[in-house]
Amino acid sequence: MLKLSEQKQLAYLLQKYIFSQAKGDQLSTEDQDALDQWRGTSEENEALFHSLTDRKQLRADLNELAYIQSRVKRRWDKLSPLLTNEQTTRRNRSSLIVSLSIAACVVGGLLVWFFWPASKPMEANAISNVQSVASASHSIGELVYADGVRVRLDSVGVGSVLSEEGTVIRKVDSSTLQYISGSAGI
């Protein structure tokens, strides 16, 4: 078996021989002697030399290589637009998903902003005052209507509804009142 450096040298000699034959030239005597020495060492080397330098075989190999290359080019020409479209479609699809997500967040935020129940200012003539009356143990709230009627808030049960001229007041728990104005009603 030849060493790697000897294999490279042999490949170089064979290449020079093939190119010199194609041009109609001759190898230098030194190169020709080295090639002849390698060929003479075994019948396998001689058979390999003939298979590598046979013009008909080289022409057939080159034709096969050209045929394969043309088939690869035709397939690439067919696949290239599909690959480009697929990459563009993936990029467009991900951009669409991001855009729709942002739009959904914006629309959701606007819906929450518009429809979130906000505390509305009370009408001045409907309920004039909510006063706190101090007691020894705790403070008791009192609701004073425009006509002067007073309602102690600790006497009103949770869930009870009070109303005055279109404004509804609902006692949510012991410390929270909910004011609903206008036609929203009970």
C-alpha atoms as a PDB file:
ATOM      1  CA  MET A   1       0.000   0.000   0.000  1.00  0.00           C
ATOM      2  CA  LEU A   2       1.259   3.459  -0.864  1.00  0.00           C
ATOM      3  CA  LYS A   3       1.726   6.132   1.776  1.00  0.00           C
ATOM      4  CA  LEU A   4      -0.454   9.230   1.595  1.00  0.00           C
ATOM      5  CA  SER A   5       2.342  11.360   0.148  1.00  0.00           C
ATOM      6  CA  GLU A   6       3.036   8.649  -2.467  1.00  0.00           C
ATOM      7  CA  GLN A   7      -0.684   8.477  -3.291  1.00  0.00           C
ATOM      8  CA  LYS A   8      -0.801  12.242  -3.786  1.00  0.00           C
ATOM      9  CA  GLN A   9       2.307  12.093  -5.983  1.00  0.00           C
ATOM     10  CA  LEU A  10       0.763   9.278  -8.044  1.00  0.00           C
ATOM     11  CA  ALA A  11      -2.532  11.188  -8.421  1.00  0.00           C
ATOM     12  CA  TYR A  12      -0.562  14.237  -9.558  1.00  0.00           C
ATOM     13  CA  LEU A  13       1.370  12.133 -12.116  1.00  0.00           C
ATOM     14  CA  LEU A  14      -1.815  10.577 -13.462  1.00  0.00           C
ATOM     15  CA  GLN A  15      -3.413  14.007 -13.753  1.00  0.00           C
ATOM     16  CA  LYS A  16      -0.383  15.348 -15.631  1.00  0.00           C
ATOM     17  CA  TYR A  17      -0.435  12.328 -17.930  1.00  0.00           C
ATOM     18  CA  ILE A  18      -4.139  12.696 -18.756  1.00  0.00           C
ATOM     19  CA  PHE A  19      -3.831  16.440 -19.420  1.00  0.00           C
ATOM     20  CA  SER A  20      -0.671  15.985 -21.532  1.00  0.00           C
ATOM     21  CA  GLN A  21      -2.457  13.329 -23.622  1.00  0.00           C
ATOM     22  CA  ALA A  22      -5.435  15.655 -24.098  1.00  0.00           C
ATOM     23  CA  LYS A  23      -3.126  18.422 -25.338  1.00  0.00           C
ATOM     24  CA  GLY A  24      -1.001  16.061 -27.413  1.00  0.00           C
ATOM     25  CA  ASP A  25       2.102  16.635 -25.270  1.00  0.00           C
ATOM     26  CA  GLN A  26       4.481  14.209 -23.538  1.00  0.00           C
ATOM     27  CA  LEU A  27       5.439  13.896 -19.868  1.00  0.00           C
ATOM     28  CA  SER A  28       8.958  14.769 -18.815  1.00  0.00           C
ATOM     29  CA  THR A  29      11.284  11.748 -18.765  1.00  0.00           C
ATOM     30  CA  GLU A  30      11.497  11.892 -14.988  1.00  0.00           C
ATOM     31  CA  ASP A  31       7.675  11.854 -14.594  1.00  0.00           C
ATOM     32  CA  GLN A  32       7.298   9.153 -17.273  1.00  0.00           C
ATOM     33  CA  ASP A  33       9.879   6.941 -15.525  1.00  0.00           C
ATOM     34  CA  ALA A  34       8.092   7.307 -12.162  1.00  0.00           C
ATOM     35  CA  LEU A  35       4.751   6.444 -13.764  1.00  0.00           C
ATOM     36  CA  ASP A  36       6.201   3.451 -15.626  1.00  0.00           C
ATOM     37  CA  GLN A  37       7.835   2.193 -12.429  1.00  0.00           C
ATOM     38  CA  TRP A  38       4.479   2.312 -10.594  1.00  0.00           C
ATOM     39  CA  ARG A  39       2.692   0.568 -13.496  1.00  0.00           C
ATOM     40  CA  GLY A  40       5.269  -2.218 -13.559  1.00  0.00           C
ATOM     41  CA  THR A  41       4.996  -3.124  -9.877  1.00  0.00           C
ATOM     42  CA  SER A  42       1.702  -5.058 -10.239  1.00  0.00           C
ATOM     43  CA  GLU A  43      -0.981  -6.065 -12.700  1.00  0.00           C
ATOM     44  CA  GLU A  44      -3.572  -4.220 -10.584  1.00  0.00           C
ATOM     45  CA  ASN A  45      -1.649  -0.946 -11.032  1.00  0.00           C
ATOM     46  CA  GLU A  46      -1.540  -1.508 -14.799  1.00  0.00           C
ATOM     47  CA  ALA A  47      -5.305  -2.241 -14.901  1.00  0.00           C
ATOM     48  CA  LEU A  48      -6.009   0.859 -12.818  1.00  0.00           C
ATOM     49  CA  PHE A  49      -3.807   2.966 -15.102  1.00  0.00           C
ATOM     50  CA  HIS A  50      -5.705   1.764 -18.188  1.00  0.00           C
ATOM     51  CA  SER A  51      -9.123   2.317 -16.600  1.00  0.00           C
ATOM     52  CA  LEU A  52      -8.158   5.871 -15.561  1.00  0.00           C
ATOM     53  CA  THR A  53      -6.570   6.849 -18.897  1.00  0.00           C
ATOM     54  CA  ASP A  54      -8.923   5.128 -21.358  1.00  0.00           C
ATOM     55  CA  ARG A  55     -10.283   7.913 -23.563  1.00  0.00           C
ATOM     56  CA  LYS A  56     -13.592   6.195 -24.216  1.00  0.00           C
ATOM     57  CA  GLN A  57     -14.130   5.631 -20.508  1.00  0.00           C
ATOM     58  CA  LEU A  58     -13.134   9.228 -19.681  1.00  0.00           C
ATOM     59  CA  ARG A  59     -15.539  10.540 -22.323  1.00  0.00           C
ATOM     60  CA  ALA A  60     -18.353   8.312 -20.974  1.00  0.00           C
ATOM     61  CA  ASP A  61     -17.634   9.442 -17.401  1.00  0.00           C
ATOM     62  CA  LEU A  62     -17.653  13.112 -18.458  1.00  0.00           C
ATOM     63  CA  ASN A  63     -20.924  12.631 -20.351  1.00  0.00           C
ATOM     64  CA  GLU A  64     -22.495  10.945 -17.320  1.00  0.00           C
ATOM     65  CA  LEU A  65     -21.251  13.751 -15.098  1.00  0.00           C
ATOM     66  CA  ALA A  66     -22.709  16.372 -17.473  1.00  0.00           C
ATOM     67  CA  TYR A  67     -26.025  14.487 -17.551  1.00  0.00           C
ATOM     68  CA  ILE A  68     -26.182  14.306 -13.751  1.00  0.00           C
ATOM     69  CA  GLN A  69     -25.288  17.980 -13.504  1.00  0.00           C
ATOM     70  CA  SER A  70     -28.073  18.944 -15.943  1.00  0.00           C
ATOM     71  CA  ARG A  71     -30.628  16.838 -13.999  1.00  0.00           C
ATOM     72  CA  VAL A  72     -29.585  18.474 -10.737  1.00  0.00           C
ATOM     73  CA  LYS A  73     -29.900  21.919 -12.348  1.00  0.00           C
ATOM     74  CA  ARG A  74     -33.397  21.141 -13.689  1.00  0.00           C
ATOM     75  CA  ARG A  75     -34.526  19.884 -10.285  1.00  0.00           C
ATOM     76  CA  TRP A  76     -33.034  22.924  -8.572  1.00  0.00           C
ATOM     77  CA  ASP A  77     -34.818  25.208 -11.035  1.00  0.00           C
ATOM     78  CA  LYS A  78     -38.129  23.510 -10.133  1.00  0.00           C
ATOM     79  CA  LEU A  79     -37.546  23.479  -6.376  1.00  0.00           C
ATOM     80  CA  SER A  80     -35.962  26.886  -5.931  1.00  0.00           C
ATOM     81  CA  PRO A  81     -39.163  28.923  -6.346  1.00  0.00           C
ATOM     82  CA  LEU A  82     -41.023  26.564  -4.015  1.00  0.00           C
ATOM     83  CA  LEU A  83     -38.388  26.908  -1.315  1.00  0.00           C
ATOM     84  CA  THR A  84     -38.371  30.681  -1.651  1.00  0.00           C
ATOM     85  CA  ASN A  85     -42.186  30.804  -1.461  1.00  0.00           C
ATOM     86  CA  GLU A  86     -42.217  28.484   1.558  1.00  0.00           C
ATOM     87  CA  GLN A  87     -39.701  30.645   3.411  1.00  0.00           C
ATOM     88  CA  THR A  88     -41.650  33.778   2.501  1.00  0.00           C
ATOM     89  CA  THR A  89     -44.901  32.098   3.598  1.00  0.00           C
ATOM     90  CA  ARG A  90     -43.383  31.116   6.959  1.00  0.00           C
ATOM     91  CA  ARG A  91     -42.077  34.650   7.481  1.00  0.00           C
ATOM     92  CA  ASN A  92     -45.439  36.170   6.466  1.00  0.00           C
ATOM     93  CA  ARG A  93     -47.335  33.693   8.670  1.00  0.00           C
ATOM     94  CA  SER A  94     -45.273  34.564  11.741  1.00  0.00           C
ATOM     95  CA  SER A  95     -45.644  38.290  11.022  1.00  0.00           C
ATOM     96  CA  LEU A  96     -49.406  37.795  10.707  1.00  0.00           C
ATOM     97  CA  ILE A  97     -49.571  35.942  14.026  1.00  0.00           C
ATOM     98  CA  VAL A  98     -47.630  38.687  15.804  1.00  0.00           C
ATOM     99  CA  SER A  99     -49.800  41.402  14.212  1.00  0.00           C
ATOM    100  CA  LEU A 100     -53.021  39.635  15.163  1.00  0.00           C
ATOM    101  CA  SER A 101     -51.799  39.143  18.728  1.00  0.00           C
ATOM    102  CA  ILE A 102     -50.998  42.838  19.075  1.00  0.00           C
ATOM    103  CA  ALA A 103     -54.357  43.799  17.552  1.00  0.00           C
ATOM    104  CA  ALA A 104     -56.197  41.450  19.935  1.00  0.00           C
ATOM    105  CA  CYS A 105     -54.403  43.006  22.921  1.00  0.00           C
ATOM    106  CA  VAL A 106     -55.277  46.526  21.755  1.00  0.00           C
ATOM    107  CA  VAL A 107     -58.937  45.646  21.099  1.00  0.00           C
ATOM    108  CA  GLY A 108     -59.161  43.820  24.439  1.00  0.00           C
ATOM    109  CA  GLY A 109     -57.673  46.819  26.228  1.00  0.00           C
ATOM    110  CA  LEU A 110     -60.115  49.193  24.551  1.00  0.00           C
ATOM    111  CA  LEU A 111     -63.079  46.957  25.416  1.00  0.00           C
ATOM    112  CA  VAL A 112     -62.014  46.810  29.055  1.00  0.00           C
ATOM    113  CA  TRP A 113     -61.504  50.582  29.122  1.00  0.00           C
ATOM    114  CA  PHE A 114     -64.925  51.332  27.596  1.00  0.00           C
ATOM    115  CA  PHE A 115     -66.991  48.756  29.466  1.00  0.00           C
ATOM    116  CA  TRP A 116     -65.275  48.604  32.853  1.00  0.00           C
ATOM    117  CA  PRO A 117     -67.728  49.931  35.433  1.00  0.00           C
ATOM    118  CA  ALA A 118     -66.371  53.269  36.536  1.00  0.00           C
ATOM    119  CA  SER A 119     -67.534  55.227  39.534  1.00  0.00           C
ATOM    120  CA  LYS A 120     -69.530  58.127  38.196  1.00  0.00           C
ATOM    121  CA  PRO A 121     -69.885  61.416  40.036  1.00  0.00           C
ATOM    122  CA  MET A 122     -73.140  61.787  41.949  1.00  0.00           C
ATOM    123  CA  GLU A 123     -75.702  64.331  40.978  1.00  0.00           C
ATOM    124  CA  ALA A 124     -75.748  67.193  43.496  1.00  0.00           C
ATOM    125  CA  ASN A 125     -79.511  67.356  43.850  1.00  0.00           C
ATOM    126  CA  ALA A 126     -80.120  63.616  44.154  1.00  0.00           C
ATOM    127  CA  ILE A 127     -78.121  62.840  47.280  1.00  0.00           C
ATOM    128  CA  SER A 128     -76.706  65.778  49.109  1.00  0.00           C
ATOM    129  CA  ASN A 129     -74.431  64.246  51.674  1.00  0.00           C
ATOM    130  CA  VAL A 130     -73.041  61.095  53.249  1.00  0.00           C
ATOM    131  CA  GLN A 131     -71.977  61.918  56.761  1.00  0.00           C
ATOM    132  CA  SER A 132     -70.043  59.934  59.288  1.00  0.00           C
ATOM    133  CA  VAL A 133     -71.418  59.958  62.780  1.00  0.00           C
ATOM    134  CA  ALA A 134     -68.883  59.156  65.485  1.00  0.00           C
ATOM    135  CA  SER A 135     -69.779  56.522  67.997  1.00  0.00           C
ATOM    136  CA  ALA A 136     -67.810  55.336  70.964  1.00  0.00           C
ATOM    137  CA  SER A 137     -66.846  52.053  69.338  1.00  0.00           C
ATOM    138  CA  HIS A 138     -66.874  52.750  65.581  1.00  0.00           C
ATOM    139  CA  SER A 139     -68.030  55.197  62.944  1.00  0.00           C
ATOM    140  CA  ILE A 140     -71.470  54.778  61.492  1.00  0.00           C
ATOM    141  CA  GLY A 141     -72.227  56.086  58.043  1.00  0.00           C
ATOM    142  CA  GLU A 142     -75.359  58.045  57.334  1.00  0.00           C
ATOM    143  CA  LEU A 143     -76.925  58.862  53.992  1.00  0.00           C
ATOM    144  CA  VAL A 144     -78.763  62.195  53.713  1.00  0.00           C
ATOM    145  CA  TYR A 145     -81.181  62.618  50.805  1.00  0.00           C
ATOM    146  CA  ALA A 146     -81.904  65.945  49.102  1.00  0.00           C
ATOM    147  CA  ASP A 147     -85.219  66.225  50.917  1.00  0.00           C
ATOM    148  CA  GLY A 148     -83.449  65.884  54.296  1.00  0.00           C
ATOM    149  CA  VAL A 149     -84.338  62.244  55.028  1.00  0.00           C
ATOM    150  CA  ARG A 150     -81.489  60.475  56.870  1.00  0.00           C
ATOM    151  CA  VAL A 151     -80.700  56.745  56.591  1.00  0.00           C
ATOM    152  CA  ARG A 152     -78.204  55.106  58.924  1.00  0.00           C
ATOM    153  CA  LEU A 153     -76.087  52.724  56.837  1.00  0.00           C
ATOM    154  CA  ASP A 154     -75.588  50.209  59.632  1.00  0.00           C
ATOM    155  CA  SER A 155     -79.367  49.706  59.698  1.00  0.00           C
ATOM    156  CA  VAL A 156     -79.464  48.805  55.980  1.00  0.00           C
ATOM    157  CA  GLY A 157     -78.768  45.132  55.194  1.00  0.00           C
ATOM    158  CA  VAL A 158     -76.120  43.965  52.716  1.00  0.00           C
ATOM    159  CA  GLY A 159     -77.640  43.760  49.221  1.00  0.00           C
ATOM    160  CA  SER A 160     -80.309  46.372  50.012  1.00  0.00           C
ATOM    161  CA  VAL A 161     -81.093  48.971  47.388  1.00  0.00           C
ATOM    162  CA  LEU A 162     -81.840  52.651  48.034  1.00  0.00           C
ATOM    163  CA  SER A 163     -82.825  55.039  45.265  1.00  0.00           C
ATOM    164  CA  GLU A 164     -83.471  58.703  44.708  1.00  0.00           C
ATOM    165  CA  GLU A 165     -84.424  60.435  41.424  1.00  0.00           C
ATOM    166  CA  GLY A 166     -82.834  57.875  39.036  1.00  0.00           C
ATOM    167  CA  THR A 167     -79.762  57.149  41.179  1.00  0.00           C
ATOM    168  CA  VAL A 168     -79.547  53.680  42.720  1.00  0.00           C
ATOM    169  CA  ILE A 169     -77.408  52.963  45.756  1.00  0.00           C
ATOM    170  CA  ARG A 170     -76.705  49.336  46.623  1.00  0.00           C
ATOM    171  CA  LYS A 171     -74.978  48.208  49.787  1.00  0.00           C
ATOM    172  CA  VAL A 172     -72.400  45.666  48.614  1.00  0.00           C
ATOM    173  CA  ASP A 173     -70.949  44.793  52.036  1.00  0.00           C
ATOM    174  CA  SER A 174     -70.590  46.436  55.450  1.00  0.00           C
ATOM    175  CA  SER A 175     -68.153  49.060  54.181  1.00  0.00           C
ATOM    176  CA  THR A 176     -68.926  49.443  50.436  1.00  0.00           C
ATOM    177  CA  LEU A 177     -71.700  51.244  48.572  1.00  0.00           C
ATOM    178  CA  GLN A 178     -72.244  51.005  44.821  1.00  0.00           C
ATOM    179  CA  TYR A 179     -73.731  54.036  43.044  1.00  0.00           C
ATOM    180  CA  ILE A 180     -75.502  53.484  39.708  1.00  0.00           C
ATOM    181  CA  SER A 181     -76.767  56.567  37.945  1.00  0.00           C
ATOM    182  CA  GLY A 182     -79.432  56.971  35.274  1.00  0.00           C
ATOM    183  CA  SER A 183     -81.154  54.156  33.399  1.00  0.00           C
ATOM    184  CA  ALA A 184     -78.635  51.455  34.476  1.00  0.00           C
ATOM    185  CA  GLY A 185     -81.001  50.822  37.360  1.00  0.00           C
ATOM    186  CA  ILE A 186     -81.091  47.856  39.694  1.00  0.00           C
END
